[in-house]
Amino acid sequence: MQIVEMKLIPSSGGCFELTANGKLLYSKLAVGKFPEEELMLKQVEALIAEVK
């Protein structure tokens, strides 16, 4: 599986959310801090592995 499209959707108020295939993988609003890059990559890789 390949990532076909990525979008950055600007917002305000310190919101940062990572979603893939409609699934919320991370929410700064829920956790209170930005995620580490490695964590985000692992979550996306795990989601891709599920789809395969």
N, C-alpha and C. Protein backbone atom coordinates (compact mmCIF):
# COMPACT_ATOMS: atom_id res chain seq x y z
N MET A 1 0.85 -1.19 0.00
CA MET A 1 0.00 0.00 0.00
C MET A 1 0.88 1.24 0.00
N GLN A 2 0.47 2.24 -0.71
CA GLN A 2 1.17 3.51 -0.76
C GLN A 2 0.27 4.62 -0.24
N ILE A 3 0.92 5.63 0.31
CA ILE A 3 0.17 6.84 0.67
C ILE A 3 -0.03 7.61 -0.62
N VAL A 4 -1.28 7.80 -0.99
CA VAL A 4 -1.61 8.45 -2.25
C VAL A 4 -1.74 9.96 -2.08
N GLU A 5 -2.20 10.38 -0.92
CA GLU A 5 -2.45 11.81 -0.72
C GLU A 5 -2.27 12.17 0.75
N MET A 6 -1.70 13.34 0.97
CA MET A 6 -1.59 13.89 2.32
C MET A 6 -2.07 15.33 2.26
N LYS A 7 -2.82 15.74 3.27
CA LYS A 7 -3.32 17.12 3.32
C LYS A 7 -2.99 17.74 4.66
N LEU A 8 -2.59 18.97 4.64
CA LEU A 8 -2.43 19.76 5.84
C LEU A 8 -3.60 20.74 5.86
N ILE A 9 -4.44 20.62 6.86
CA ILE A 9 -5.62 21.48 6.95
C ILE A 9 -5.39 22.47 8.08
N PRO A 10 -5.16 23.74 7.75
CA PRO A 10 -4.90 24.75 8.77
C PRO A 10 -6.10 24.94 9.70
N SER A 11 -5.79 25.23 10.94
CA SER A 11 -6.84 25.54 11.91
C SER A 11 -6.28 26.57 12.89
N SER A 12 -7.04 26.85 13.91
CA SER A 12 -6.58 27.82 14.89
C SER A 12 -6.80 27.25 16.29
N GLY A 13 -6.28 27.92 17.28
CA GLY A 13 -6.51 27.51 18.65
C GLY A 13 -5.62 26.39 19.14
N GLY A 14 -4.52 26.12 18.44
CA GLY A 14 -3.58 25.10 18.90
C GLY A 14 -4.02 23.68 18.61
N CYS A 15 -4.97 23.51 17.70
CA CYS A 15 -5.45 22.18 17.35
C CYS A 15 -4.44 21.49 16.45
N PHE A 16 -4.09 20.26 16.77
CA PHE A 16 -3.26 19.42 15.91
C PHE A 16 -3.80 18.01 16.00
N GLU A 17 -4.31 17.52 14.88
CA GLU A 17 -4.84 16.16 14.87
C GLU A 17 -4.29 15.42 13.66
N LEU A 18 -3.99 14.16 13.86
CA LEU A 18 -3.51 13.29 12.80
C LEU A 18 -4.58 12.25 12.54
N THR A 19 -5.10 12.24 11.32
CA THR A 19 -6.08 11.23 10.94
C THR A 19 -5.60 10.53 9.68
N ALA A 20 -5.99 9.28 9.53
CA ALA A 20 -5.68 8.51 8.33
C ALA A 20 -6.86 7.59 8.05
N ASN A 21 -7.33 7.62 6.82
CA ASN A 21 -8.51 6.83 6.44
C ASN A 21 -9.69 7.09 7.37
N GLY A 22 -9.83 8.32 7.81
CA GLY A 22 -10.94 8.69 8.67
C GLY A 22 -10.78 8.28 10.12
N LYS A 23 -9.63 7.69 10.48
CA LYS A 23 -9.38 7.24 11.85
C LYS A 23 -8.48 8.25 12.55
N LEU A 24 -8.92 8.74 13.70
CA LEU A 24 -8.12 9.69 14.48
C LEU A 24 -6.97 8.94 15.15
N LEU A 25 -5.74 9.30 14.81
CA LEU A 25 -4.57 8.64 15.38
C LEU A 25 -3.96 9.43 16.53
N TYR A 26 -4.14 10.76 16.50
CA TYR A 26 -3.57 11.59 17.56
C TYR A 26 -4.32 12.91 17.62
N SER A 27 -4.54 13.38 18.82
CA SER A 27 -5.18 14.68 19.03
C SER A 27 -4.42 15.46 20.10
N LYS A 28 -3.85 16.58 19.70
CA LYS A 28 -3.16 17.44 20.67
C LYS A 28 -4.16 18.00 21.68
N LEU A 29 -5.37 18.23 21.23
CA LEU A 29 -6.39 18.76 22.15
C LEU A 29 -6.70 17.75 23.26
N ALA A 30 -6.68 16.46 22.94
CA ALA A 30 -6.98 15.44 23.94
C ALA A 30 -5.79 15.18 24.86
N VAL A 31 -4.57 15.22 24.29
CA VAL A 31 -3.37 14.86 25.05
C VAL A 31 -2.70 16.08 25.70
N GLY A 32 -2.81 17.23 25.04
CA GLY A 32 -2.24 18.45 25.60
C GLY A 32 -0.84 18.79 25.13
N LYS A 33 -0.30 17.99 24.20
CA LYS A 33 1.03 18.30 23.66
C LYS A 33 1.16 17.74 22.25
N PHE A 34 2.14 18.26 21.51
CA PHE A 34 2.40 17.75 20.18
C PHE A 34 3.03 16.36 20.28
N PRO A 35 2.72 15.48 19.32
CA PRO A 35 3.31 14.14 19.35
C PRO A 35 4.75 14.17 18.85
N GLU A 36 5.50 13.17 19.21
CA GLU A 36 6.84 13.04 18.66
C GLU A 36 6.72 12.45 17.26
N GLU A 37 7.62 12.87 16.38
CA GLU A 37 7.57 12.43 14.99
C GLU A 37 7.58 10.90 14.88
N GLU A 38 8.41 10.24 15.66
CA GLU A 38 8.52 8.79 15.60
C GLU A 38 7.19 8.12 15.95
N LEU A 39 6.49 8.65 16.92
CA LEU A 39 5.19 8.11 17.31
C LEU A 39 4.20 8.21 16.15
N MET A 40 4.16 9.36 15.49
CA MET A 40 3.24 9.54 14.37
C MET A 40 3.55 8.56 13.25
N LEU A 41 4.83 8.38 12.93
CA LEU A 41 5.22 7.46 11.86
C LEU A 41 4.82 6.03 12.21
N LYS A 42 5.03 5.62 13.45
CA LYS A 42 4.66 4.27 13.87
C LYS A 42 3.16 4.05 13.76
N GLN A 43 2.37 5.04 14.11
CA GLN A 43 0.92 4.91 14.04
C GLN A 43 0.45 4.78 12.60
N VAL A 44 1.03 5.56 11.70
CA VAL A 44 0.65 5.47 10.29
C VAL A 44 1.11 4.13 9.71
N GLU A 45 2.32 3.70 10.06
CA GLU A 45 2.81 2.40 9.58
C GLU A 45 1.92 1.26 10.07
N ALA A 46 1.48 1.31 11.32
CA ALA A 46 0.60 0.28 11.87
C ALA A 46 -0.73 0.25 11.12
N LEU A 47 -1.26 1.41 10.80
CA LEU A 47 -2.51 1.49 10.07
C LEU A 47 -2.35 0.90 8.67
N ILE A 48 -1.24 1.20 8.02
CA ILE A 48 -0.97 0.65 6.68
C ILE A 48 -0.86 -0.87 6.76
N ALA A 49 -0.21 -1.38 7.79
CA ALA A 49 -0.06 -2.83 7.97
C ALA A 49 -1.42 -3.50 8.15
N GLU A 50 -2.36 -2.83 8.82
CA GLU A 50 -3.70 -3.38 9.02
C GLU A 50 -4.43 -3.55 7.69
N VAL A 51 -4.19 -2.60 6.78
CA VAL A 51 -4.91 -2.58 5.51
C VAL A 51 -4.37 -3.64 4.55
N LYS A 52 -3.11 -3.97 4.66
CA LYS A 52 -2.49 -4.94 3.75
C LYS A 52 -3.10 -6.29 3.84
